[in-house]
Amino acid sequence: MSLNILIVDDHPMTVDSYVNLLSDDCFDTVEPTFLKKYNCETAYKKIMLLEKQNTRLDFAILDVNLPPYEEFNIANGIDLAITIRKVLPSCKILLLTMHTEAFIVNRIIKTIAPDGFISKSEVNFESFPAICQKILKGEIIYSDEIVKSQKKLTHRNLNWDEYDSQILILLSQGVKTVNIPNHIPLSMSSIEKRKANIKSHLLLEKGGDTELINKARQLGLI
């Protein structure tokens, strides 16, 4: 039986390293087939092709920060994972990130519930194959930094949801705050409270919408 594995990272050497690590007798009874992609556009098209062909995807290894596919609003690995959850729901998903900020971690866990969620600083050549094997056997693997971020969120009593993400996206598209109620079903007062909450946690110093959008892009939130 073949095991179809999608690997998406914008560094080809990283993709090849993952392939080599998983090719070295990592799977005893199955032969892995690797689908290598380097940006959101080619990865999205491959995912949709697999769905159209009714082809199984067993495992997706996704970097969170990826070159976007703007035509279909696929901004990063988070959006790719959301797409996989919708069209290939049986696929196991491992997300790798350099960012472990509480807001990002919370959004990913709430919207995707990945089977694996690992900080890149906590994985090495020895641990990576073992992590993948455990995920494919049904274990949920979150690295220590991810777990710590979850705990921070709980202690700070933050509540980040898709409306917060939509507010950031709309601001980044040039929509003024006063017009946001035309796009999402929230009152102006609710939007202003959410926006103030986002600013207080993303910006260490006071700043306007431009600084907020730049910070959100830097963190991979939009």
N, C-alpha and C. Protein backbone atom coordinates (compact mmCIF):
# COMPACT_ATOMS: atom_id res chain seq x y z
N MET A 1 0.85 -1.20 0.00
CA MET A 1 0.00 0.00 0.00
C MET A 1 0.88 1.24 0.00
N SER A 2 0.49 2.23 -0.80
CA SER A 2 1.25 3.48 -0.88
C SER A 2 0.75 4.48 0.14
N LEU A 3 1.66 5.34 0.59
CA LEU A 3 1.33 6.40 1.54
C LEU A 3 1.60 7.73 0.86
N ASN A 4 0.56 8.50 0.58
CA ASN A 4 0.71 9.76 -0.12
C ASN A 4 0.98 10.89 0.87
N ILE A 5 2.14 11.53 0.72
CA ILE A 5 2.58 12.56 1.66
C ILE A 5 2.85 13.86 0.90
N LEU A 6 2.14 14.92 1.27
CA LEU A 6 2.37 16.25 0.70
C LEU A 6 3.29 17.03 1.63
N ILE A 7 4.37 17.58 1.07
CA ILE A 7 5.30 18.40 1.84
C ILE A 7 5.38 19.77 1.18
N VAL A 8 5.10 20.82 1.97
CA VAL A 8 5.11 22.18 1.43
C VAL A 8 5.99 23.08 2.29
N ASP A 9 7.04 23.59 1.68
CA ASP A 9 7.94 24.54 2.33
C ASP A 9 8.59 25.36 1.23
N ASP A 10 8.82 26.65 1.48
CA ASP A 10 9.38 27.50 0.43
C ASP A 10 10.88 27.36 0.29
N HIS A 11 11.49 26.45 1.03
CA HIS A 11 12.91 26.16 0.89
C HIS A 11 13.07 24.74 0.35
N PRO A 12 13.45 24.58 -0.93
CA PRO A 12 13.57 23.25 -1.52
C PRO A 12 14.49 22.31 -0.75
N MET A 13 15.56 22.85 -0.17
CA MET A 13 16.47 21.99 0.60
C MET A 13 15.78 21.43 1.84
N THR A 14 14.90 22.22 2.44
CA THR A 14 14.15 21.73 3.60
C THR A 14 13.21 20.61 3.19
N VAL A 15 12.52 20.80 2.07
CA VAL A 15 11.62 19.76 1.56
C VAL A 15 12.39 18.47 1.30
N ASP A 16 13.54 18.59 0.64
CA ASP A 16 14.35 17.41 0.34
C ASP A 16 14.86 16.74 1.62
N SER A 17 15.16 17.54 2.63
CA SER A 17 15.60 16.98 3.91
C SER A 17 14.49 16.16 4.55
N TYR A 18 13.27 16.69 4.52
CA TYR A 18 12.13 15.93 5.06
C TYR A 18 11.95 14.62 4.31
N VAL A 19 12.04 14.69 2.99
CA VAL A 19 11.88 13.48 2.17
C VAL A 19 12.94 12.45 2.53
N ASN A 20 14.19 12.89 2.64
CA ASN A 20 15.27 11.96 2.98
C ASN A 20 15.07 11.33 4.35
N LEU A 21 14.63 12.13 5.31
CA LEU A 21 14.42 11.61 6.66
C LEU A 21 13.29 10.59 6.70
N LEU A 22 12.27 10.82 5.89
CA LEU A 22 11.12 9.92 5.89
C LEU A 22 11.29 8.75 4.93
N SER A 23 12.30 8.81 4.09
CA SER A 23 12.56 7.71 3.15
C SER A 23 13.46 6.65 3.74
N ASP A 24 14.15 6.98 4.80
CA ASP A 24 15.17 6.09 5.37
C ASP A 24 14.54 5.08 6.34
N ASP A 25 13.85 4.09 5.76
CA ASP A 25 13.23 3.01 6.54
C ASP A 25 12.29 3.53 7.62
N CYS A 26 11.64 4.66 7.34
CA CYS A 26 10.74 5.24 8.34
C CYS A 26 9.43 4.47 8.42
N PHE A 27 9.00 3.92 7.30
CA PHE A 27 7.74 3.20 7.24
C PHE A 27 8.00 1.75 6.87
N ASP A 28 7.61 0.85 7.73
CA ASP A 28 7.96 -0.56 7.56
C ASP A 28 7.16 -1.25 6.46
N THR A 29 5.86 -1.02 6.43
CA THR A 29 5.00 -1.83 5.57
C THR A 29 4.42 -1.07 4.39
N VAL A 30 4.71 0.21 4.27
CA VAL A 30 4.15 1.00 3.16
C VAL A 30 5.26 1.75 2.43
N GLU A 31 4.99 2.04 1.18
CA GLU A 31 5.94 2.78 0.35
C GLU A 31 5.45 4.22 0.21
N PRO A 32 6.19 5.20 0.74
CA PRO A 32 5.71 6.58 0.65
C PRO A 32 5.88 7.18 -0.74
N THR A 33 4.88 7.94 -1.15
CA THR A 33 4.95 8.74 -2.37
C THR A 33 4.92 10.20 -1.95
N PHE A 34 5.97 10.94 -2.30
CA PHE A 34 6.11 12.32 -1.84
C PHE A 34 5.66 13.31 -2.91
N LEU A 35 4.82 14.24 -2.51
CA LEU A 35 4.37 15.32 -3.38
C LEU A 35 5.01 16.59 -2.85
N LYS A 36 5.97 17.13 -3.58
CA LYS A 36 6.77 18.26 -3.10
C LYS A 36 6.30 19.57 -3.73
N LYS A 37 5.96 20.54 -2.87
CA LYS A 37 5.52 21.85 -3.34
C LYS A 37 6.22 22.93 -2.53
N TYR A 38 6.31 24.15 -3.13
CA TYR A 38 7.13 25.19 -2.52
C TYR A 38 6.39 26.52 -2.29
N ASN A 39 5.11 26.56 -2.59
CA ASN A 39 4.33 27.77 -2.37
C ASN A 39 2.85 27.42 -2.28
N CYS A 40 2.04 28.38 -1.90
CA CYS A 40 0.61 28.12 -1.72
C CYS A 40 -0.10 27.81 -3.03
N GLU A 41 0.32 28.46 -4.11
CA GLU A 41 -0.38 28.25 -5.38
C GLU A 41 -0.27 26.81 -5.87
N THR A 42 0.95 26.30 -5.97
CA THR A 42 1.13 24.94 -6.48
C THR A 42 0.57 23.90 -5.51
N ALA A 43 0.68 24.18 -4.22
CA ALA A 43 0.14 23.25 -3.22
C ALA A 43 -1.38 23.21 -3.29
N TYR A 44 -2.00 24.39 -3.38
CA TYR A 44 -3.47 24.46 -3.46
C TYR A 44 -3.98 23.73 -4.70
N LYS A 45 -3.33 23.96 -5.83
CA LYS A 45 -3.76 23.30 -7.06
C LYS A 45 -3.62 21.79 -6.96
N LYS A 46 -2.57 21.33 -6.31
CA LYS A 46 -2.38 19.89 -6.13
C LYS A 46 -3.46 19.31 -5.22
N ILE A 47 -3.76 20.00 -4.14
CA ILE A 47 -4.80 19.54 -3.21
C ILE A 47 -6.15 19.41 -3.93
N MET A 48 -6.49 20.43 -4.71
CA MET A 48 -7.77 20.41 -5.42
C MET A 48 -7.79 19.34 -6.50
N LEU A 49 -6.65 19.08 -7.12
CA LEU A 49 -6.56 18.01 -8.13
C LEU A 49 -6.76 16.65 -7.49
N LEU A 50 -6.16 16.44 -6.33
CA LEU A 50 -6.34 15.18 -5.62
C LEU A 50 -7.81 14.97 -5.27
N GLU A 51 -8.46 16.05 -4.83
CA GLU A 51 -9.88 15.95 -4.48
C GLU A 51 -10.72 15.63 -5.72
N LYS A 52 -10.39 16.27 -6.84
CA LYS A 52 -11.13 16.05 -8.08
C LYS A 52 -10.95 14.62 -8.58
N GLN A 53 -9.74 14.09 -8.43
CA GLN A 53 -9.44 12.73 -8.89
C GLN A 53 -9.83 11.66 -7.88
N ASN A 54 -10.38 12.12 -6.76
CA ASN A 54 -10.76 11.19 -5.68
C ASN A 54 -9.55 10.37 -5.22
N THR A 55 -8.41 11.05 -5.14
CA THR A 55 -7.16 10.40 -4.71
C THR A 55 -6.91 10.70 -3.24
N ARG A 56 -6.54 9.70 -2.51
CA ARG A 56 -6.33 9.84 -1.06
C ARG A 56 -5.05 10.62 -0.77
N LEU A 57 -5.11 11.51 0.22
CA LEU A 57 -3.91 12.15 0.76
C LEU A 57 -3.82 11.74 2.22
N ASP A 58 -2.74 11.06 2.58
CA ASP A 58 -2.62 10.51 3.92
C ASP A 58 -2.02 11.47 4.93
N PHE A 59 -1.09 12.30 4.47
CA PHE A 59 -0.31 13.11 5.41
C PHE A 59 0.14 14.38 4.72
N ALA A 60 -0.05 15.52 5.38
CA ALA A 60 0.42 16.81 4.86
C ALA A 60 1.34 17.45 5.88
N ILE A 61 2.54 17.80 5.43
CA ILE A 61 3.53 18.48 6.27
C ILE A 61 3.66 19.90 5.72
N LEU A 62 3.21 20.88 6.48
CA LEU A 62 3.09 22.25 5.98
C LEU A 62 3.85 23.24 6.84
N ASP A 63 4.65 24.08 6.18
CA ASP A 63 5.21 25.25 6.86
C ASP A 63 4.10 26.28 6.96
N VAL A 64 4.04 27.00 8.06
CA VAL A 64 3.00 28.02 8.22
C VAL A 64 3.26 29.20 7.30
N ASN A 65 4.50 29.66 7.21
CA ASN A 65 4.84 30.82 6.39
C ASN A 65 5.22 30.38 4.98
N LEU A 66 4.38 30.74 4.01
CA LEU A 66 4.59 30.34 2.62
C LEU A 66 4.23 31.49 1.69
N PRO A 67 4.83 31.54 0.49
CA PRO A 67 4.40 32.53 -0.50
C PRO A 67 2.92 32.34 -0.83
N PRO A 68 2.13 33.41 -0.82
CA PRO A 68 0.67 33.28 -0.94
C PRO A 68 0.19 32.99 -2.36
N TYR A 69 -1.06 32.55 -2.43
CA TYR A 69 -1.78 32.40 -3.70
C TYR A 69 -2.93 33.39 -3.63
N GLU A 70 -2.66 34.62 -4.05
CA GLU A 70 -3.59 35.72 -3.82
C GLU A 70 -4.91 35.56 -4.56
N GLU A 71 -4.89 34.93 -5.72
CA GLU A 71 -6.11 34.78 -6.51
C GLU A 71 -7.21 34.05 -5.74
N PHE A 72 -6.82 33.11 -4.90
CA PHE A 72 -7.79 32.33 -4.13
C PHE A 72 -7.70 32.62 -2.62
N ASN A 73 -7.04 33.72 -2.26
CA ASN A 73 -6.93 34.15 -0.86
C ASN A 73 -6.32 33.07 0.03
N ILE A 74 -5.34 32.37 -0.50
CA ILE A 74 -4.60 31.38 0.28
C ILE A 74 -3.30 32.06 0.71
N ALA A 75 -3.28 32.55 1.95
CA ALA A 75 -2.19 33.42 2.39
C ALA A 75 -0.99 32.66 2.93
N ASN A 76 -1.21 31.45 3.43
CA ASN A 76 -0.13 30.75 4.13
C ASN A 76 -0.50 29.28 4.34
N GLY A 77 0.33 28.59 5.11
CA GLY A 77 0.08 27.18 5.39
C GLY A 77 -1.19 26.95 6.20
N ILE A 78 -1.59 27.95 6.97
CA ILE A 78 -2.84 27.83 7.73
C ILE A 78 -4.02 27.67 6.78
N ASP A 79 -4.06 28.50 5.73
CA ASP A 79 -5.15 28.42 4.76
C ASP A 79 -5.10 27.11 3.98
N LEU A 80 -3.90 26.62 3.69
CA LEU A 80 -3.79 25.32 3.02
C LEU A 80 -4.36 24.22 3.91
N ALA A 81 -4.05 24.29 5.20
CA ALA A 81 -4.55 23.28 6.14
C ALA A 81 -6.07 23.33 6.23
N ILE A 82 -6.63 24.53 6.24
CA ILE A 82 -8.09 24.68 6.26
C ILE A 82 -8.70 24.04 5.02
N THR A 83 -8.07 24.25 3.87
CA THR A 83 -8.55 23.65 2.62
C THR A 83 -8.51 22.14 2.69
N ILE A 84 -7.41 21.60 3.20
CA ILE A 84 -7.28 20.14 3.33
C ILE A 84 -8.37 19.58 4.24
N ARG A 85 -8.63 20.26 5.34
CA ARG A 85 -9.67 19.81 6.27
C ARG A 85 -11.03 19.74 5.57
N LYS A 86 -11.27 20.67 4.63
CA LYS A 86 -12.56 20.72 3.94
C LYS A 86 -12.68 19.65 2.86
N VAL A 87 -11.64 19.48 2.05
CA VAL A 87 -11.79 18.62 0.86
C VAL A 87 -11.16 17.24 1.02
N LEU A 88 -10.22 17.09 1.95
CA LEU A 88 -9.56 15.80 2.19
C LEU A 88 -9.52 15.56 3.70
N PRO A 89 -10.67 15.43 4.34
CA PRO A 89 -10.76 15.46 5.80
C PRO A 89 -10.05 14.32 6.53
N SER A 90 -9.76 13.22 5.85
CA SER A 90 -9.09 12.10 6.53
C SER A 90 -7.58 12.28 6.62
N CYS A 91 -7.06 13.31 5.95
CA CYS A 91 -5.61 13.55 5.92
C CYS A 91 -5.10 14.02 7.28
N LYS A 92 -3.99 13.44 7.73
CA LYS A 92 -3.31 13.92 8.93
C LYS A 92 -2.50 15.17 8.56
N ILE A 93 -2.49 16.16 9.45
CA ILE A 93 -1.80 17.42 9.16
C ILE A 93 -0.77 17.72 10.24
N LEU A 94 0.47 17.98 9.79
CA LEU A 94 1.54 18.46 10.67
C LEU A 94 1.91 19.86 10.23
N LEU A 95 1.81 20.82 11.14
CA LEU A 95 2.20 22.20 10.88
C LEU A 95 3.51 22.52 11.59
N LEU A 96 4.41 23.18 10.88
CA LEU A 96 5.69 23.60 11.45
C LEU A 96 5.79 25.11 11.36
N THR A 97 6.24 25.74 12.44
CA THR A 97 6.26 27.20 12.48
C THR A 97 7.45 27.73 13.26
N MET A 98 7.85 28.96 12.90
CA MET A 98 8.85 29.68 13.67
C MET A 98 8.17 30.60 14.69
N HIS A 99 6.87 30.81 14.52
CA HIS A 99 6.12 31.72 15.39
C HIS A 99 5.28 30.94 16.38
N THR A 100 5.46 31.23 17.67
CA THR A 100 4.67 30.55 18.69
C THR A 100 3.89 31.56 19.55
N GLU A 101 3.60 32.72 18.97
CA GLU A 101 2.81 33.72 19.68
C GLU A 101 1.43 33.14 19.99
N ALA A 102 0.90 33.51 21.14
CA ALA A 102 -0.35 32.90 21.62
C ALA A 102 -1.50 33.08 20.65
N PHE A 103 -1.61 34.25 20.04
CA PHE A 103 -2.71 34.49 19.11
C PHE A 103 -2.65 33.52 17.93
N ILE A 104 -1.46 33.34 17.37
CA ILE A 104 -1.30 32.47 16.21
C ILE A 104 -1.62 31.03 16.59
N VAL A 105 -1.06 30.58 17.69
CA VAL A 105 -1.28 29.20 18.14
C VAL A 105 -2.77 28.96 18.37
N ASN A 106 -3.43 29.90 19.02
CA ASN A 106 -4.85 29.74 19.32
C ASN A 106 -5.68 29.67 18.05
N ARG A 107 -5.38 30.55 17.10
CA ARG A 107 -6.14 30.54 15.84
C ARG A 107 -5.98 29.21 15.12
N ILE A 108 -4.76 28.72 15.05
CA ILE A 108 -4.50 27.47 14.33
C ILE A 108 -5.22 26.30 14.99
N ILE A 109 -5.12 26.21 16.30
CA ILE A 109 -5.75 25.09 17.00
C ILE A 109 -7.26 25.15 16.88
N LYS A 110 -7.83 26.35 16.98
CA LYS A 110 -9.29 26.49 16.90
C LYS A 110 -9.82 26.17 15.51
N THR A 111 -9.14 26.62 14.47
CA THR A 111 -9.67 26.49 13.12
C THR A 111 -9.28 25.19 12.44
N ILE A 112 -8.16 24.59 12.85
CA ILE A 112 -7.65 23.42 12.14
C ILE A 112 -7.59 22.18 13.02
N ALA A 113 -7.25 22.35 14.29
CA ALA A 113 -6.99 21.22 15.19
C ALA A 113 -6.00 20.26 14.53
N PRO A 114 -4.79 20.73 14.24
CA PRO A 114 -3.82 19.88 13.53
C PRO A 114 -3.45 18.65 14.35
N ASP A 115 -3.09 17.59 13.64
CA ASP A 115 -2.65 16.36 14.31
C ASP A 115 -1.27 16.54 14.91
N GLY A 116 -0.48 17.42 14.31
CA GLY A 116 0.82 17.77 14.85
C GLY A 116 1.06 19.26 14.68
N PHE A 117 1.65 19.88 15.69
CA PHE A 117 1.91 21.32 15.65
C PHE A 117 3.24 21.53 16.36
N ILE A 118 4.28 21.86 15.60
CA ILE A 118 5.64 21.84 16.11
C ILE A 118 6.35 23.15 15.84
N SER A 119 7.03 23.67 16.86
CA SER A 119 7.94 24.79 16.67
C SER A 119 9.21 24.28 16.00
N LYS A 120 9.64 24.95 14.94
CA LYS A 120 10.82 24.49 14.21
C LYS A 120 12.07 24.45 15.08
N SER A 121 12.10 25.27 16.10
CA SER A 121 13.27 25.29 16.99
C SER A 121 13.35 24.05 17.87
N GLU A 122 12.28 23.24 17.87
CA GLU A 122 12.24 22.08 18.76
C GLU A 122 12.32 20.75 18.01
N VAL A 123 12.57 20.79 16.73
CA VAL A 123 12.64 19.55 15.96
C VAL A 123 14.03 19.39 15.36
N ASN A 124 14.49 18.15 15.25
CA ASN A 124 15.79 17.87 14.66
C ASN A 124 15.71 16.61 13.81
N PHE A 125 16.86 16.22 13.24
CA PHE A 125 16.88 15.07 12.34
C PHE A 125 16.44 13.78 13.02
N GLU A 126 16.69 13.67 14.31
CA GLU A 126 16.32 12.45 15.02
C GLU A 126 14.83 12.43 15.39
N SER A 127 14.32 13.57 15.84
CA SER A 127 12.93 13.59 16.34
C SER A 127 11.89 13.67 15.23
N PHE A 128 12.25 14.25 14.09
CA PHE A 128 11.26 14.47 13.03
C PHE A 128 10.60 13.17 12.54
N PRO A 129 11.37 12.14 12.17
CA PRO A 129 10.72 10.90 11.72
C PRO A 129 9.83 10.29 12.79
N ALA A 130 10.26 10.32 14.04
CA ALA A 130 9.47 9.74 15.13
C ALA A 130 8.15 10.49 15.31
N ILE A 131 8.20 11.83 15.19
CA ILE A 131 6.98 12.64 15.29
C ILE A 131 6.00 12.24 14.19
N CYS A 132 6.50 12.12 12.97
CA CYS A 132 5.63 11.76 11.84
C CYS A 132 5.02 10.37 12.02
N GLN A 133 5.82 9.44 12.49
CA GLN A 133 5.31 8.08 12.72
C GLN A 133 4.19 8.08 13.74
N LYS A 134 4.37 8.82 14.82
CA LYS A 134 3.35 8.88 15.87
C LYS A 134 2.05 9.50 15.37
N ILE A 135 2.18 10.56 14.58
CA ILE A 135 0.99 11.22 14.04
C ILE A 135 0.22 10.27 13.13
N LEU A 136 0.93 9.54 12.28
CA LEU A 136 0.27 8.61 11.37
C LEU A 136 -0.39 7.45 12.11
N LYS A 137 0.07 7.18 13.33
CA LYS A 137 -0.55 6.13 14.14
C LYS A 137 -1.73 6.65 14.97
N GLY A 138 -2.01 7.96 14.84
CA GLY A 138 -3.18 8.51 15.50
C GLY A 138 -2.91 9.38 16.71
N GLU A 139 -1.63 9.58 17.06
CA GLU A 139 -1.31 10.43 18.20
C GLU A 139 -1.39 11.90 17.81
N ILE A 140 -1.72 12.74 18.78
CA ILE A 140 -1.70 14.19 18.60
C ILE A 140 -0.41 14.70 19.24
N ILE A 141 0.43 15.35 18.44
CA ILE A 141 1.75 15.78 18.91
C ILE A 141 1.88 17.30 18.82
N TYR A 142 1.95 17.96 19.97
CA TYR A 142 2.23 19.39 20.03
C TYR A 142 3.54 19.56 20.80
N SER A 143 4.43 20.39 20.27
CA SER A 143 5.72 20.59 20.93
C SER A 143 5.57 21.45 22.18
N ASP A 144 6.62 21.48 22.99
CA ASP A 144 6.57 22.19 24.28
C ASP A 144 6.23 23.67 24.12
N GLU A 145 6.83 24.32 23.11
CA GLU A 145 6.57 25.75 22.91
C GLU A 145 5.12 26.02 22.55
N ILE A 146 4.53 25.12 21.78
CA ILE A 146 3.12 25.27 21.42
C ILE A 146 2.24 25.13 22.65
N VAL A 147 2.54 24.14 23.48
CA VAL A 147 1.77 23.92 24.71
C VAL A 147 1.90 25.12 25.64
N LYS A 148 3.12 25.67 25.75
CA LYS A 148 3.33 26.85 26.59
C LYS A 148 2.50 28.04 26.10
N SER A 149 2.43 28.20 24.79
CA SER A 149 1.63 29.30 24.24
C SER A 149 0.16 29.13 24.56
N GLN A 150 -0.32 27.88 24.50
CA GLN A 150 -1.71 27.61 24.88
C GLN A 150 -1.97 28.01 26.33
N LYS A 151 -1.03 27.68 27.20
CA LYS A 151 -1.19 28.00 28.62
C LYS A 151 -1.18 29.51 28.85
N LYS A 152 -0.30 30.21 28.12
CA LYS A 152 -0.26 31.67 28.23
C LYS A 152 -1.61 32.27 27.86
N LEU A 153 -2.20 31.73 26.80
CA LEU A 153 -3.48 32.24 26.35
C LEU A 153 -4.54 32.06 27.42
N THR A 154 -4.52 30.90 28.07
CA THR A 154 -5.49 30.61 29.12
C THR A 154 -5.30 31.57 30.30
N HIS A 155 -4.03 31.78 30.69
CA HIS A 155 -3.75 32.66 31.82
C HIS A 155 -4.17 34.10 31.53
N ARG A 156 -4.01 34.52 30.28
CA ARG A 156 -4.33 35.90 29.91
C ARG A 156 -5.81 36.06 29.55
N ASN A 157 -6.53 34.95 29.52
CA ASN A 157 -7.97 34.97 29.25
C ASN A 157 -8.29 35.66 27.93
N LEU A 158 -7.53 35.31 26.90
CA LEU A 158 -7.77 35.86 25.57
C LEU A 158 -8.72 34.95 24.80
N ASN A 159 -9.44 35.52 23.87
CA ASN A 159 -10.38 34.74 23.07
C ASN A 159 -10.30 35.19 21.62
N TRP A 160 -9.49 34.49 20.85
CA TRP A 160 -9.26 34.85 19.45
C TRP A 160 -10.10 33.93 18.58
N ASP A 161 -10.88 34.51 17.66
CA ASP A 161 -11.66 33.67 16.76
C ASP A 161 -11.56 34.21 15.34
N GLU A 162 -12.35 33.63 14.43
CA GLU A 162 -12.24 33.99 13.03
C GLU A 162 -12.70 35.43 12.76
N TYR A 163 -13.57 35.98 13.60
CA TYR A 163 -13.94 37.38 13.42
C TYR A 163 -12.73 38.29 13.60
N ASP A 164 -11.87 37.96 14.56
CA ASP A 164 -10.65 38.75 14.76
C ASP A 164 -9.77 38.68 13.52
N SER A 165 -9.65 37.48 12.97
CA SER A 165 -8.86 37.30 11.75
C SER A 165 -9.46 38.10 10.60
N GLN A 166 -10.79 38.06 10.47
CA GLN A 166 -11.45 38.78 9.39
C GLN A 166 -11.27 40.29 9.53
N ILE A 167 -11.29 40.78 10.76
CA ILE A 167 -11.05 42.21 10.98
C ILE A 167 -9.67 42.61 10.46
N LEU A 168 -8.66 41.81 10.79
CA LEU A 168 -7.31 42.09 10.32
C LEU A 168 -7.23 42.03 8.80
N ILE A 169 -7.85 41.03 8.21
CA ILE A 169 -7.81 40.87 6.76
C ILE A 169 -8.48 42.05 6.07
N LEU A 170 -9.63 42.45 6.57
CA LEU A 170 -10.34 43.59 5.98
C LEU A 170 -9.53 44.88 6.09
N LEU A 171 -8.92 45.10 7.24
CA LEU A 171 -8.06 46.28 7.41
C LEU A 171 -6.90 46.25 6.42
N SER A 172 -6.32 45.07 6.22
CA SER A 172 -5.19 44.94 5.30
C SER A 172 -5.62 45.18 3.86
N GLN A 173 -6.91 44.99 3.57
CA GLN A 173 -7.44 45.22 2.23
C GLN A 173 -7.88 46.66 2.02
N GLY A 174 -7.67 47.49 3.04
CA GLY A 174 -8.00 48.90 2.92
C GLY A 174 -9.40 49.28 3.36
N VAL A 175 -10.12 48.31 3.93
CA VAL A 175 -11.47 48.60 4.42
C VAL A 175 -11.36 49.40 5.72
N LYS A 176 -12.04 50.52 5.80
CA LYS A 176 -11.98 51.34 7.00
C LYS A 176 -12.84 50.72 8.11
N THR A 177 -12.43 50.97 9.35
CA THR A 177 -13.12 50.37 10.49
C THR A 177 -14.62 50.64 10.45
N VAL A 178 -15.01 51.84 10.07
CA VAL A 178 -16.42 52.22 10.05
C VAL A 178 -17.23 51.37 9.07
N ASN A 179 -16.55 50.78 8.07
CA ASN A 179 -17.25 49.99 7.05
C ASN A 179 -17.19 48.49 7.31
N ILE A 180 -16.45 48.07 8.32
CA ILE A 180 -16.31 46.64 8.59
C ILE A 180 -17.65 45.96 8.90
N PRO A 181 -18.61 46.64 9.60
CA PRO A 181 -19.91 45.99 9.83
C PRO A 181 -20.65 45.60 8.55
N ASN A 182 -20.25 46.18 7.41
CA ASN A 182 -20.85 45.81 6.13
C ASN A 182 -20.35 44.46 5.64
N HIS A 183 -19.27 43.96 6.27
CA HIS A 183 -18.63 42.73 5.80
C HIS A 183 -18.78 41.56 6.77
N ILE A 184 -18.90 41.85 8.05
CA ILE A 184 -19.07 40.79 9.05
C ILE A 184 -20.20 41.17 10.01
N PRO A 185 -20.93 40.19 10.53
CA PRO A 185 -22.13 40.48 11.34
C PRO A 185 -21.82 40.85 12.79
N LEU A 186 -21.10 41.97 12.95
CA LEU A 186 -20.79 42.46 14.29
C LEU A 186 -21.12 43.95 14.35
N SER A 187 -21.48 44.41 15.53
CA SER A 187 -21.76 45.84 15.71
C SER A 187 -20.46 46.63 15.71
N MET A 188 -20.57 47.93 15.48
CA MET A 188 -19.39 48.79 15.48
C MET A 188 -18.68 48.75 16.83
N SER A 189 -19.43 48.77 17.92
CA SER A 189 -18.80 48.75 19.24
C SER A 189 -18.05 47.44 19.47
N SER A 190 -18.61 46.33 19.01
CA SER A 190 -17.94 45.04 19.15
C SER A 190 -16.65 45.00 18.34
N ILE A 191 -16.71 45.54 17.12
CA ILE A 191 -15.52 45.58 16.26
C ILE A 191 -14.44 46.45 16.88
N GLU A 192 -14.81 47.59 17.42
CA GLU A 192 -13.83 48.49 18.03
C GLU A 192 -13.18 47.84 19.26
N LYS A 193 -13.98 47.11 20.05
CA LYS A 193 -13.43 46.42 21.22
C LYS A 193 -12.45 45.33 20.79
N ARG A 194 -12.83 44.56 19.77
CA ARG A 194 -11.96 43.50 19.28
C ARG A 194 -10.66 44.08 18.71
N LYS A 195 -10.79 45.15 17.96
CA LYS A 195 -9.62 45.79 17.36
C LYS A 195 -8.68 46.31 18.44
N ALA A 196 -9.23 46.92 19.48
CA ALA A 196 -8.41 47.42 20.59
C ALA A 196 -7.72 46.27 21.31
N ASN A 197 -8.42 45.15 21.46
CA ASN A 197 -7.84 43.98 22.12
C ASN A 197 -6.69 43.40 21.30
N ILE A 198 -6.89 43.32 19.98
CA ILE A 198 -5.85 42.83 19.08
C ILE A 198 -4.61 43.72 19.18
N LYS A 199 -4.83 45.03 19.12
CA LYS A 199 -3.70 45.97 19.19
C LYS A 199 -2.94 45.84 20.50
N SER A 200 -3.67 45.67 21.59
CA SER A 200 -3.01 45.62 22.90
C SER A 200 -2.10 44.40 23.05
N HIS A 201 -2.39 43.35 22.29
CA HIS A 201 -1.59 42.13 22.43
C HIS A 201 -0.57 41.93 21.31
N LEU A 202 -0.79 42.59 20.17
CA LEU A 202 0.17 42.45 19.08
C LEU A 202 1.20 43.56 19.05
N LEU A 203 0.82 44.74 19.48
CA LEU A 203 1.74 45.88 19.44
C LEU A 203 2.27 46.18 20.83
N LEU A 204 3.58 46.10 20.97
CA LEU A 204 4.19 46.40 22.26
C LEU A 204 4.10 47.88 22.58
N GLU A 205 4.13 48.70 21.54
CA GLU A 205 3.97 50.14 21.70
C GLU A 205 2.72 50.57 20.96
N LYS A 206 2.24 51.76 21.26
CA LYS A 206 1.05 52.26 20.59
C LYS A 206 1.31 52.43 19.10
N GLY A 207 0.29 52.16 18.31
CA GLY A 207 0.42 52.29 16.87
C GLY A 207 -0.94 52.32 16.21
N GLY A 208 -0.94 52.69 14.93
CA GLY A 208 -2.18 52.76 14.18
C GLY A 208 -2.43 51.48 13.39
N ASP A 209 -3.37 51.59 12.44
CA ASP A 209 -3.73 50.43 11.64
C ASP A 209 -2.56 49.92 10.81
N THR A 210 -1.73 50.83 10.30
CA THR A 210 -0.59 50.42 9.47
C THR A 210 0.36 49.54 10.27
N GLU A 211 0.69 49.97 11.48
CA GLU A 211 1.59 49.18 12.34
C GLU A 211 0.96 47.84 12.70
N LEU A 212 -0.35 47.84 12.94
CA LEU A 212 -1.05 46.60 13.28
C LEU A 212 -1.02 45.62 12.12
N ILE A 213 -1.29 46.11 10.92
CA ILE A 213 -1.29 45.25 9.73
C ILE A 213 0.11 44.70 9.47
N ASN A 214 1.12 45.56 9.58
CA ASN A 214 2.50 45.10 9.36
C ASN A 214 2.89 44.01 10.35
N LYS A 215 2.51 44.19 11.61
CA LYS A 215 2.82 43.20 12.63
C LYS A 215 2.07 41.89 12.36
N ALA A 216 0.82 41.99 11.97
CA ALA A 216 0.02 40.79 11.68
C ALA A 216 0.61 40.02 10.50
N ARG A 217 1.10 40.74 9.49
CA ARG A 217 1.74 40.08 8.35
C ARG A 217 3.05 39.41 8.78
N GLN A 218 3.79 40.11 9.60
CA GLN A 218 5.06 39.56 10.09
C GLN A 218 4.84 38.25 10.85
N LEU A 219 3.74 38.17 11.58
CA LEU A 219 3.45 36.99 12.39
C LEU A 219 2.70 35.91 11.61
N GLY A 220 2.37 36.20 10.35
CA GLY A 220 1.66 35.21 9.56
C GLY A 220 0.18 35.12 9.84
N LEU A 221 -0.39 36.16 10.45
CA LEU A 221 -1.82 36.15 10.76
C LEU A 221 -2.67 36.50 9.55
N ILE A 222 -2.09 37.22 8.60
CA ILE A 222 -2.80 37.57 7.36
C ILE A 222 -1.84 37.39 6.19
